[in-house]
Amino acid sequence: MSTSEEYAQRFPALRFVQWTTGETASSAGFGCYRINTHNPDHANALAAALRSGINVVDTAANYGDGSAEELLGKALADATKDGIPRSQLILISKAGYMQGRNYHRAYKKEHQGHAFPHVVKYADGLWHCIHPEFLEDQLTRSLRHINTEYLDVHLLHNPEYFLMNAAQEGIPVGEAREEFYDRIRLAFAHLESEVQTGRIRHYGISSNCFARPSYAADAVSLEECIRIAEDVAGEGHHFRTIQLPFNLLETGAATERNQRGDSASVLETAAANGINVIVNRVLNAITNNSLLRLAEHAYAGTEPPSESDIAALIGDLVAHESVMLRQILPALPYDTQSREELESCLSPGTHLVHHWNTFESIEHWHDVETQYLRPRMNEAIEAIMHHPVQGMEEWIQEFKHKAAAAFKAITHHYAVDAHPRLEAIRSKAVDLLGESFSGMTISQLAFNAPRATDGVTCTLIGARRERYVSEIIELLGTDTPSLSHEDWMRLMEIGELV
């Protein structure tokens, strides 16, 4: 009996899946995108998942600039103390991105005259590389962060950046593909050697482009990757896992016939070749070049604040911001440029006063809040606290309170606005799939549909709160009818609603 089987036996009410590589795995995996060591909720959620029946954890070297892997390392140590040994878990990480600390290391190496080979310089601050030298470096760092001797699966992370960059530079598609698969071959040969050293058990690719039409310039062919693996290591190769997006609106994994002369889907090809399939973004659909969150908000169905109420809250915030500009900022030891930057960071109300009702969706507003406004606020507050002056601490506390009130009201507005579309999607999906899905919320349906699909091995979910973990565990204890290619072809009608 493998130890992953022993883990599964602790949870007889939950459904586990036998991977083609022998592991017994939970049908849902804990996704570590946007988790870090700074938020105790994230640590509690991951610990709850491991305690409750989820033994698959997916992370990446660039998630949280390494912080997500470090959090997993702490969770792993705690789990071992709680009687869940490392050998009962299936740990997955990914490598390829040069961002944050990796970017600065790569930039420094280049300027010292010993750059990593085959670097794709896609954008300022965003490079990419799957050369063996970088993969070896990243695996070493991942193992140290996670504090483990091996990874169960190591994935090349979005290698299609090479193809996307080649398209931008006008390189002919055939020429770009030839070089791309040469680089895949080099990476696979290295990963096979890592299997032999015992640092990984298996390897694969995580790509957003496995389900692209075969003619697309950025399409990644699963069958070509399988052929390369067989050339490198024979039928006993260790290329055994892929990961890709799959949700109610991005249906290509099941519906796009882009393999075997456009006669088979990625899911069908993976199943025929013993490839485990992990799907991601089940609640986060990208459609029409924008994100649509397939989950109901707590504010859905409630009475939203009026536009005048929101304007009043923002006005109150702006008035409070002016106190900083008049009384506190001039007393701080900063030059003119630094003061202007701090003023901008500490003026979210001023930024919002004419724009709060112009965002495309709740997802757009959420990104602006969490990726722009709040980080800039927090960074500026941390900076000025090094130079305390009279009234600063009181101002900061009131500033946080007023900003939170304004942000909450804006979120409420967009959440209520999004509800009718989400309900239309849910209703249409139930009509197409039948009574077995009728009692589900949109998020339950969005999670269960991919999980029930023929060929899907594991469904990742980003559960950054314990209550989200509890909801997923409850769903794992329920059965749903399996969904086929034909079912997903019908579900493509949902796309007409967005």
Protein backbone atom coordinates (compact mmCIF):
# COMPACT_ATOMS: atom_id res chain seq x y z
CA MET A 1 0.00 0.00 0.00
CA SER A 2 1.38 3.43 -0.91
CA THR A 3 1.30 6.09 1.76
CA SER A 4 -1.02 8.25 -0.33
CA GLU A 5 -3.46 5.35 -0.10
CA GLU A 6 -3.11 5.45 3.67
CA TYR A 7 -3.98 9.14 3.58
CA ALA A 8 -7.08 8.41 1.48
CA GLN A 9 -8.27 5.76 3.92
CA ARG A 10 -8.58 8.44 6.61
CA PHE A 11 -11.38 10.04 4.61
CA PRO A 12 -13.74 7.30 3.41
CA ALA A 13 -16.51 9.79 2.61
CA LEU A 14 -14.38 11.62 0.05
CA ARG A 15 -13.59 10.64 -3.52
CA PHE A 16 -9.94 9.99 -4.33
CA VAL A 17 -8.43 9.34 -7.76
CA GLN A 18 -5.73 6.91 -8.80
CA TRP A 19 -3.14 8.80 -10.83
CA THR A 20 -1.46 7.05 -13.75
CA THR A 21 1.78 7.47 -11.82
CA GLY A 22 0.46 5.41 -8.90
CA GLU A 23 -0.48 8.06 -6.35
CA THR A 24 -3.87 8.14 -4.67
CA ALA A 25 -4.93 11.76 -4.84
CA SER A 26 -7.79 13.95 -3.73
CA SER A 27 -9.92 15.02 -6.69
CA ALA A 28 -9.41 18.63 -5.61
CA GLY A 29 -6.05 20.29 -5.09
CA PHE A 30 -5.08 23.33 -3.03
CA GLY A 31 -3.82 26.04 -5.39
CA CYS A 32 -1.23 28.41 -3.93
CA TYR A 33 -1.59 31.28 -6.39
CA ARG A 34 -1.85 34.55 -4.42
CA ILE A 35 -1.06 33.04 -1.05
CA ASN A 36 1.91 34.09 1.06
CA THR A 37 3.47 33.93 4.50
CA HIS A 38 2.23 37.39 5.49
CA ASN A 39 -1.44 36.47 5.86
CA PRO A 40 -2.32 34.04 8.69
CA ASP A 41 -5.60 33.18 6.95
CA HIS A 42 -3.63 31.56 4.13
CA ALA A 43 -1.64 29.37 6.52
CA ASN A 44 -4.81 28.34 8.34
CA ALA A 45 -6.56 27.48 5.07
CA LEU A 46 -3.71 25.31 3.82
CA ALA A 47 -3.45 23.53 7.17
CA ALA A 48 -7.21 22.90 7.15
CA ALA A 49 -7.01 21.45 3.65
CA LEU A 50 -4.29 18.98 4.61
CA ARG A 51 -6.22 17.97 7.75
CA SER A 52 -9.52 17.56 5.91
CA GLY A 53 -8.76 15.34 2.93
CA ILE A 54 -6.86 17.36 0.30
CA ASN A 55 -3.41 15.90 -0.30
CA VAL A 56 -2.56 17.66 -3.58
CA VAL A 57 -0.88 21.07 -3.30
CA ASP A 58 0.09 23.10 -6.36
CA THR A 59 2.48 26.04 -6.16
CA ALA A 60 5.16 27.74 -8.28
CA ALA A 61 8.53 29.39 -7.82
CA ASN A 62 7.09 32.80 -8.72
CA TYR A 63 3.94 32.67 -6.59
CA GLY A 64 4.33 35.39 -4.01
CA ASP A 65 7.94 35.74 -5.20
CA GLY A 66 8.76 32.48 -3.40
CA SER A 67 6.57 33.20 -0.39
CA ALA A 68 3.93 30.64 -1.42
CA GLU A 69 6.52 27.87 -1.44
CA GLU A 70 7.81 29.02 1.94
CA LEU A 71 4.29 28.86 3.35
CA LEU A 72 3.95 25.34 1.99
CA GLY A 73 7.22 24.46 3.74
CA LYS A 74 5.83 25.63 7.07
CA ALA A 75 2.56 23.80 6.49
CA LEU A 76 4.48 20.65 5.62
CA ALA A 77 6.41 20.81 8.89
CA ASP A 78 3.21 21.35 10.88
CA ALA A 79 1.45 18.51 9.04
CA THR A 80 4.29 16.14 9.89
CA LYS A 81 3.90 17.02 13.57
CA ASP A 82 0.17 16.31 13.24
CA GLY A 83 0.79 12.83 11.87
CA ILE A 84 0.60 13.55 8.15
CA PRO A 85 4.01 12.58 6.75
CA ARG A 86 5.46 14.15 3.60
CA SER A 87 5.08 10.85 1.73
CA GLN A 88 1.28 11.03 1.96
CA LEU A 89 1.17 14.32 0.07
CA ILE A 90 1.50 15.16 -3.62
CA LEU A 91 3.47 18.38 -3.96
CA ILE A 92 3.71 20.17 -7.29
CA SER A 93 5.75 23.22 -8.19
CA LYS A 94 6.53 25.01 -11.42
CA ALA A 95 9.46 26.88 -12.95
CA GLY A 96 9.97 29.23 -15.88
CA TYR A 97 9.11 32.76 -14.80
CA MET A 98 11.77 35.36 -14.13
CA GLN A 99 9.94 37.89 -11.99
CA GLY A 100 10.71 39.66 -8.73
CA ARG A 101 13.81 38.22 -7.11
CA ASN A 102 14.34 35.80 -10.00
CA TYR A 103 14.30 38.67 -12.46
CA HIS A 104 16.84 40.67 -10.47
CA ARG A 105 19.11 37.63 -10.14
CA ALA A 106 18.90 36.95 -13.88
CA TYR A 107 19.50 40.62 -14.68
CA LYS A 108 22.54 40.70 -12.40
CA LYS A 109 23.98 37.49 -13.90
CA GLU A 110 23.61 38.92 -17.38
CA HIS A 111 25.46 42.10 -16.47
CA GLN A 112 28.20 40.04 -14.82
CA GLY A 113 28.74 38.23 -18.11
CA HIS A 114 27.28 34.79 -17.30
CA ALA A 115 23.60 35.05 -18.18
CA PHE A 116 21.19 32.15 -18.13
CA PRO A 117 20.88 30.81 -21.70
CA HIS A 118 17.67 30.98 -23.75
CA VAL A 119 16.05 33.83 -21.81
CA VAL A 120 12.85 35.21 -23.37
CA LYS A 121 12.67 38.93 -22.55
CA TYR A 122 8.93 39.30 -22.89
CA ALA A 123 8.55 42.60 -21.02
CA ASP A 124 10.34 44.80 -18.51
CA GLY A 125 10.38 42.85 -15.26
CA LEU A 126 8.99 39.72 -16.96
CA TRP A 127 11.47 37.32 -18.50
CA HIS A 128 11.03 33.61 -19.03
CA CYS A 129 13.36 30.64 -19.31
CA ILE A 130 13.16 26.82 -19.43
CA HIS A 131 16.84 26.15 -20.05
CA PRO A 132 18.28 23.36 -17.86
CA GLU A 133 20.59 25.76 -16.05
CA PHE A 134 17.64 27.86 -14.87
CA LEU A 135 15.45 24.83 -14.16
CA GLU A 136 18.15 23.34 -11.95
CA ASP A 137 18.47 26.65 -10.10
CA GLN A 138 14.72 26.92 -9.60
CA LEU A 139 14.27 23.36 -8.41
CA THR A 140 17.06 23.83 -5.87
CA ARG A 141 15.36 26.95 -4.54
CA SER A 142 11.92 25.31 -4.51
CA LEU A 143 13.16 22.34 -2.51
CA ARG A 144 14.79 24.69 -0.03
CA HIS A 145 11.68 26.88 0.27
CA ILE A 146 9.39 23.89 0.79
CA ASN A 147 11.95 22.07 2.94
CA THR A 148 11.52 18.78 1.13
CA GLU A 149 13.94 16.40 -0.58
CA TYR A 150 11.78 15.96 -3.66
CA LEU A 151 8.77 17.18 -5.61
CA ASP A 152 6.19 14.71 -6.81
CA VAL A 153 5.69 16.76 -9.97
CA HIS A 154 7.77 19.57 -11.47
CA LEU A 155 6.09 21.52 -14.26
CA LEU A 156 7.42 23.85 -16.92
CA HIS A 157 5.40 27.00 -16.25
CA ASN A 158 3.78 28.56 -19.33
CA PRO A 159 6.59 27.83 -21.81
CA GLU A 160 4.41 29.40 -24.52
CA TYR A 161 5.97 32.75 -23.63
CA PHE A 162 8.58 31.84 -26.23
CA LEU A 163 5.87 31.47 -28.89
CA MET A 164 4.08 34.64 -27.81
CA ASN A 165 7.32 36.59 -27.93
CA ALA A 166 8.20 35.13 -31.33
CA ALA A 167 4.83 36.26 -32.68
CA GLN A 168 5.48 39.79 -31.38
CA GLU A 169 8.84 39.82 -33.12
CA GLY A 170 7.38 38.59 -36.41
CA ILE A 171 9.21 35.24 -36.46
CA PRO A 172 7.45 32.80 -38.84
CA VAL A 173 5.27 30.31 -36.96
CA GLY A 174 7.02 27.23 -38.36
CA GLU A 175 10.45 28.54 -37.41
CA ALA A 176 9.26 29.51 -33.93
CA ARG A 177 7.67 26.12 -33.30
CA GLU A 178 10.81 24.27 -34.36
CA GLU A 179 12.91 26.23 -31.87
CA PHE A 180 10.22 25.96 -29.19
CA TYR A 181 10.10 22.16 -29.29
CA ASP A 182 13.90 22.00 -29.38
CA ARG A 183 13.84 23.88 -26.07
CA ILE A 184 11.15 21.53 -24.73
CA ARG A 185 13.37 18.59 -25.69
CA LEU A 186 16.34 20.10 -23.83
CA ALA A 187 14.16 20.74 -20.76
CA PHE A 188 12.71 17.21 -20.81
CA ALA A 189 16.17 15.64 -21.01
CA HIS A 190 17.19 17.65 -17.95
CA LEU A 191 14.02 16.76 -16.05
CA GLU A 192 14.59 13.08 -16.75
CA SER A 193 18.01 13.49 -15.14
CA GLU A 194 16.36 15.12 -12.11
CA VAL A 195 14.12 12.05 -11.82
CA GLN A 196 17.23 9.89 -11.74
CA THR A 197 18.78 11.99 -8.95
CA GLY A 198 15.54 11.64 -6.94
CA ARG A 199 14.80 15.37 -6.74
CA ILE A 200 11.53 14.91 -8.68
CA ARG A 201 9.26 11.91 -9.29
CA HIS A 202 7.61 13.09 -12.50
CA TYR A 203 7.41 16.20 -14.65
CA GLY A 204 5.09 17.96 -17.04
CA ILE A 205 3.88 21.27 -18.41
CA SER A 206 1.44 23.87 -17.15
CA SER A 207 0.21 25.86 -20.13
CA ASN A 208 -2.66 28.19 -20.93
CA CYS A 209 -2.34 27.17 -24.59
CA PHE A 210 -2.90 23.40 -24.64
CA ALA A 211 -6.51 23.99 -25.71
CA ARG A 212 -5.77 26.61 -28.38
CA PRO A 213 -6.69 25.79 -32.00
CA SER A 214 -3.87 23.87 -33.65
CA TYR A 215 -3.28 26.69 -36.12
CA ALA A 216 -2.78 29.34 -33.41
CA ALA A 217 0.75 30.73 -33.23
CA ASP A 218 0.91 30.14 -29.47
CA ALA A 219 -0.66 26.66 -29.45
CA VAL A 220 1.20 24.02 -27.40
CA SER A 221 0.71 20.52 -28.80
CA LEU A 222 0.32 17.79 -26.21
CA GLU A 223 0.93 15.03 -28.75
CA GLU A 224 4.19 16.68 -29.84
CA CYS A 225 5.32 16.92 -26.21
CA ILE A 226 4.53 13.22 -25.72
CA ARG A 227 6.51 12.36 -28.85
CA ILE A 228 9.50 14.33 -27.55
CA ALA A 229 9.32 12.61 -24.15
CA GLU A 230 9.31 9.21 -25.86
CA ASP A 231 12.30 10.24 -28.00
CA VAL A 232 14.18 11.40 -24.92
CA ALA A 233 13.45 8.51 -22.56
CA GLY A 234 11.38 5.86 -24.36
CA GLU A 235 7.98 4.63 -23.30
CA GLY A 236 9.08 4.73 -19.67
CA HIS A 237 9.42 8.51 -19.75
CA HIS A 238 8.30 10.58 -16.78
CA PHE A 239 6.32 13.26 -18.64
CA ARG A 240 3.06 12.36 -16.92
CA THR A 241 1.20 15.53 -15.92
CA ILE A 242 -0.23 18.60 -17.61
CA GLN A 243 -2.12 21.55 -16.21
CA LEU A 244 -4.44 23.94 -18.05
CA PRO A 245 -7.45 26.25 -17.56
CA PHE A 246 -10.91 24.70 -17.81
CA ASN A 247 -14.22 26.25 -16.77
CA LEU A 248 -17.78 26.92 -17.87
CA LEU A 249 -16.63 29.56 -20.34
CA GLU A 250 -13.17 28.27 -21.28
CA THR A 251 -14.26 24.85 -22.51
CA GLY A 252 -11.45 24.09 -24.97
CA ALA A 253 -9.87 21.27 -22.96
CA ALA A 254 -12.95 19.18 -23.77
CA THR A 255 -14.31 20.85 -26.93
CA GLU A 256 -11.32 21.94 -29.03
CA ARG A 257 -10.27 19.12 -31.34
CA ASN A 258 -6.65 20.15 -31.82
CA GLN A 259 -4.78 16.82 -31.51
CA ARG A 260 -4.26 13.86 -33.84
CA GLY A 261 -5.01 15.83 -36.99
CA ASP A 262 -7.70 17.86 -35.22
CA SER A 263 -9.65 14.70 -34.39
CA ALA A 264 -9.16 14.61 -30.61
CA SER A 265 -9.20 17.01 -27.67
CA VAL A 266 -6.46 17.53 -25.12
CA LEU A 267 -8.43 15.56 -22.52
CA GLU A 268 -8.94 12.64 -24.91
CA THR A 269 -5.28 12.64 -25.91
CA ALA A 270 -4.09 12.79 -22.31
CA ALA A 271 -6.34 9.88 -21.31
CA ALA A 272 -5.11 7.77 -24.24
CA ASN A 273 -1.49 8.35 -23.23
CA GLY A 274 -1.61 7.98 -19.45
CA ILE A 275 -1.21 11.70 -18.73
CA ASN A 276 -2.67 13.14 -15.51
CA VAL A 277 -4.68 16.32 -16.12
CA ILE A 278 -4.87 19.07 -13.51
CA VAL A 279 -7.26 21.91 -14.31
CA ASN A 280 -7.08 25.43 -12.93
CA ARG A 281 -9.05 28.67 -13.04
CA VAL A 282 -12.35 26.83 -12.60
CA LEU A 283 -13.86 29.93 -10.91
CA ASN A 284 -11.92 32.54 -12.92
CA ALA A 285 -12.90 32.56 -16.56
CA ILE A 286 -11.12 34.78 -19.04
CA THR A 287 -13.53 35.77 -21.76
CA ASN A 288 -13.46 38.68 -24.18
CA ASN A 289 -10.02 39.57 -22.77
CA SER A 290 -11.40 40.15 -19.28
CA LEU A 291 -11.85 38.11 -16.12
CA LEU A 292 -15.25 36.84 -15.01
CA ARG A 293 -15.44 35.40 -11.50
CA LEU A 294 -17.82 32.42 -11.47
CA ALA A 295 -18.79 32.79 -7.83
CA GLU A 296 -21.53 34.62 -6.02
CA HIS A 297 -20.48 37.46 -3.76
CA ALA A 298 -21.70 37.79 -0.19
CA TYR A 299 -23.45 41.00 -1.23
CA ALA A 300 -25.39 39.34 -4.06
CA GLY A 301 -29.13 39.88 -3.71
CA THR A 302 -28.76 42.67 -1.14
CA GLU A 303 -29.66 46.33 -1.45
CA PRO A 304 -26.58 48.22 -2.69
CA PRO A 305 -25.55 51.66 -1.42
CA SER A 306 -26.80 54.50 -3.57
CA GLU A 307 -24.42 56.37 -5.83
CA SER A 308 -24.77 59.42 -3.60
CA ASP A 309 -23.84 57.30 -0.55
CA ILE A 310 -20.70 56.06 -2.31
CA ALA A 311 -19.83 59.59 -3.43
CA ALA A 312 -20.20 60.80 0.16
CA LEU A 313 -17.85 58.09 1.48
CA ILE A 314 -15.26 58.90 -1.17
CA GLY A 315 -15.64 62.62 -0.42
CA ASP A 316 -15.04 61.94 3.27
CA LEU A 317 -11.89 60.02 2.35
CA VAL A 318 -10.65 62.83 0.10
CA ALA A 319 -11.16 65.36 2.89
CA HIS A 320 -9.14 63.19 5.25
CA GLU A 321 -6.39 62.81 2.65
CA SER A 322 -6.08 66.59 2.46
CA VAL A 323 -5.12 66.68 6.16
CA MET A 324 -2.07 64.56 5.35
CA LEU A 325 -1.12 66.83 2.47
CA ARG A 326 -1.50 70.04 4.48
CA GLN A 327 -0.31 69.09 7.95
CA ILE A 328 1.75 65.87 8.00
CA LEU A 329 3.55 65.37 4.69
CA PRO A 330 5.26 68.82 4.72
CA ALA A 331 6.84 67.94 8.08
CA LEU A 332 8.49 64.78 6.78
CA PRO A 333 12.13 64.68 5.54
CA TYR A 334 11.46 63.91 1.89
CA ASP A 335 12.48 65.66 -1.32
CA THR A 336 9.87 67.03 -3.72
CA GLN A 337 9.74 63.94 -5.93
CA SER A 338 9.35 61.57 -2.98
CA ARG A 339 6.60 63.73 -1.48
CA GLU A 340 4.71 63.71 -4.77
CA GLU A 341 4.93 59.91 -4.92
CA LEU A 342 3.73 59.57 -1.32
CA GLU A 343 0.90 61.99 -2.01
CA SER A 344 -0.22 59.88 -4.96
CA CYS A 345 -0.05 56.64 -2.93
CA LEU A 346 -1.98 58.14 -0.02
CA SER A 347 -4.77 59.59 -2.18
CA PRO A 348 -6.97 56.65 -3.22
CA GLY A 349 -10.08 58.79 -2.75
CA THR A 350 -8.76 61.39 -5.16
CA HIS A 351 -8.10 58.65 -7.72
CA LEU A 352 -11.61 57.24 -7.28
CA VAL A 353 -13.74 60.36 -7.08
CA HIS A 354 -14.32 60.56 -10.85
CA HIS A 355 -13.65 56.91 -11.73
CA TRP A 356 -15.28 54.62 -9.14
CA ASN A 357 -18.26 53.88 -11.42
CA THR A 358 -16.26 53.36 -14.64
CA PHE A 359 -14.81 49.90 -13.95
CA GLU A 360 -15.83 47.14 -16.34
CA SER A 361 -16.83 44.66 -13.64
CA ILE A 362 -16.36 43.64 -10.03
CA GLU A 363 -13.27 41.71 -11.15
CA HIS A 364 -11.79 44.84 -12.71
CA TRP A 365 -12.48 46.84 -9.54
CA HIS A 366 -11.06 44.04 -7.37
CA ASP A 367 -7.82 44.03 -9.35
CA VAL A 368 -7.47 47.81 -9.06
CA GLU A 369 -8.13 47.65 -5.32
CA THR A 370 -5.88 44.71 -4.48
CA GLN A 371 -3.11 45.11 -7.04
CA TYR A 372 -2.82 48.91 -7.15
CA LEU A 373 -4.57 50.98 -4.49
CA ARG A 374 -3.99 48.89 -1.37
CA PRO A 375 -0.34 47.93 -2.08
CA ARG A 376 0.55 51.57 -2.75
CA MET A 377 -1.26 52.69 0.40
CA ASN A 378 0.48 50.08 2.53
CA GLU A 379 3.91 50.84 1.08
CA ALA A 380 3.48 54.58 1.68
CA ILE A 381 2.22 54.07 5.25
CA GLU A 382 5.19 51.86 6.02
CA ALA A 383 7.52 54.55 4.64
CA ILE A 384 6.12 57.49 6.61
CA MET A 385 5.98 55.52 9.85
CA HIS A 386 9.78 55.61 9.89
CA HIS A 387 9.43 59.36 10.56
CA PRO A 388 6.63 59.72 13.14
CA VAL A 389 5.26 63.21 13.78
CA GLN A 390 2.41 64.46 15.93
CA GLY A 391 -0.98 63.27 14.77
CA MET A 392 0.38 60.73 12.26
CA GLU A 393 -0.72 57.55 14.04
CA GLU A 394 -4.26 58.84 14.54
CA TRP A 395 -4.42 59.98 10.92
CA ILE A 396 -3.29 56.56 9.65
CA GLN A 397 -5.91 54.69 11.68
CA GLU A 398 -8.70 56.97 10.48
CA PHE A 399 -7.37 56.81 6.91
CA LYS A 400 -7.52 53.00 6.92
CA HIS A 401 -11.05 53.10 8.31
CA LYS A 402 -12.35 55.59 5.74
CA ALA A 403 -10.64 53.84 2.83
CA ALA A 404 -12.08 50.49 3.90
CA ALA A 405 -15.58 51.97 4.09
CA ALA A 406 -15.32 53.47 0.60
CA PHE A 407 -13.83 50.31 -0.90
CA LYS A 408 -16.51 48.16 0.73
CA ALA A 409 -19.29 50.31 -0.71
CA ILE A 410 -17.80 50.16 -4.21
CA THR A 411 -17.44 46.38 -3.94
CA HIS A 412 -21.08 46.11 -2.83
CA HIS A 413 -22.17 48.16 -5.85
CA TYR A 414 -20.34 45.96 -8.37
CA ALA A 415 -21.27 42.69 -6.63
CA VAL A 416 -24.97 43.45 -6.91
CA ASP A 417 -24.47 44.59 -10.50
CA ALA A 418 -22.78 41.26 -11.38
CA HIS A 419 -25.43 39.00 -9.84
CA PRO A 420 -27.96 38.87 -12.75
CA ARG A 421 -25.32 37.73 -15.23
CA LEU A 422 -24.02 35.05 -12.89
CA GLU A 423 -27.54 33.80 -12.25
CA ALA A 424 -28.16 33.65 -16.00
CA ILE A 425 -25.01 31.55 -16.43
CA ARG A 426 -26.01 29.23 -13.59
CA SER A 427 -29.54 28.82 -14.91
CA LYS A 428 -28.34 28.09 -18.44
CA ALA A 429 -25.82 25.52 -17.20
CA VAL A 430 -28.51 23.73 -15.18
CA ASP A 431 -30.81 23.68 -18.21
CA LEU A 432 -28.04 22.11 -20.27
CA LEU A 433 -26.75 19.63 -17.68
CA GLY A 434 -29.97 18.52 -16.02
CA GLU A 435 -31.47 18.07 -12.58
CA SER A 436 -28.33 16.65 -10.97
CA PHE A 437 -26.87 20.16 -10.99
CA SER A 438 -30.06 22.07 -10.19
CA GLY A 439 -29.52 22.72 -6.48
CA MET A 440 -26.02 24.13 -6.89
CA THR A 441 -24.85 27.71 -6.60
CA ILE A 442 -22.83 29.13 -9.47
CA SER A 443 -19.53 28.46 -7.66
CA GLN A 444 -20.53 24.89 -6.76
CA LEU A 445 -21.53 24.23 -10.35
CA ALA A 446 -18.36 25.87 -11.70
CA PHE A 447 -16.25 23.62 -9.46
CA ASN A 448 -18.20 20.39 -9.95
CA ALA A 449 -18.54 20.49 -13.73
CA PRO A 450 -14.78 20.26 -14.47
CA ARG A 451 -14.28 17.81 -11.60
CA ALA A 452 -16.94 15.49 -13.07
CA THR A 453 -15.46 15.57 -16.56
CA ASP A 454 -14.00 12.49 -18.20
CA GLY A 455 -10.22 12.80 -18.30
CA VAL A 456 -9.81 15.38 -15.51
CA THR A 457 -7.61 14.03 -12.72
CA CYS A 458 -7.53 16.94 -10.28
CA THR A 459 -9.34 20.27 -9.99
CA LEU A 460 -7.41 23.10 -8.36
CA ILE A 461 -9.17 25.60 -6.15
CA GLY A 462 -7.78 28.76 -4.59
CA ALA A 463 -9.17 28.59 -1.05
CA ARG A 464 -7.52 31.35 0.97
CA ARG A 465 -9.92 31.06 3.92
CA GLU A 466 -10.79 28.06 6.09
CA ARG A 467 -14.48 28.41 5.31
CA TYR A 468 -13.73 28.01 1.60
CA VAL A 469 -11.85 24.81 2.37
CA SER A 470 -14.85 23.53 4.33
CA GLU A 471 -17.13 24.26 1.38
CA ILE A 472 -14.85 22.32 -0.98
CA ILE A 473 -14.62 19.34 1.38
CA GLU A 474 -18.41 19.23 1.52
CA LEU A 475 -18.57 19.14 -2.29
CA LEU A 476 -15.97 16.37 -2.43
CA GLY A 477 -18.36 14.19 -0.46
CA THR A 478 -21.06 14.45 -3.14
CA ASP A 479 -21.38 12.57 -6.41
CA THR A 480 -22.21 14.15 -9.75
CA PRO A 481 -22.76 12.46 -13.12
CA SER A 482 -19.67 12.37 -15.30
CA LEU A 483 -19.58 14.88 -18.15
CA SER A 484 -18.48 14.02 -21.67
CA HIS A 485 -17.28 15.85 -24.75
CA GLU A 486 -20.91 16.13 -25.88
CA ASP A 487 -21.98 17.71 -22.57
CA TRP A 488 -19.29 20.37 -22.91
CA MET A 489 -20.23 21.04 -26.52
CA ARG A 490 -23.70 21.94 -25.24
CA LEU A 491 -22.20 24.08 -22.48
CA MET A 492 -20.55 26.25 -25.10
CA GLU A 493 -23.94 27.98 -25.41
CA ILE A 494 -23.15 29.76 -22.13
CA GLY A 495 -20.64 31.87 -24.02
CA GLU A 496 -23.55 33.66 -25.68
CA LEU A 497 -24.46 35.20 -22.30
CA VAL A 498 -21.22 37.16 -21.86
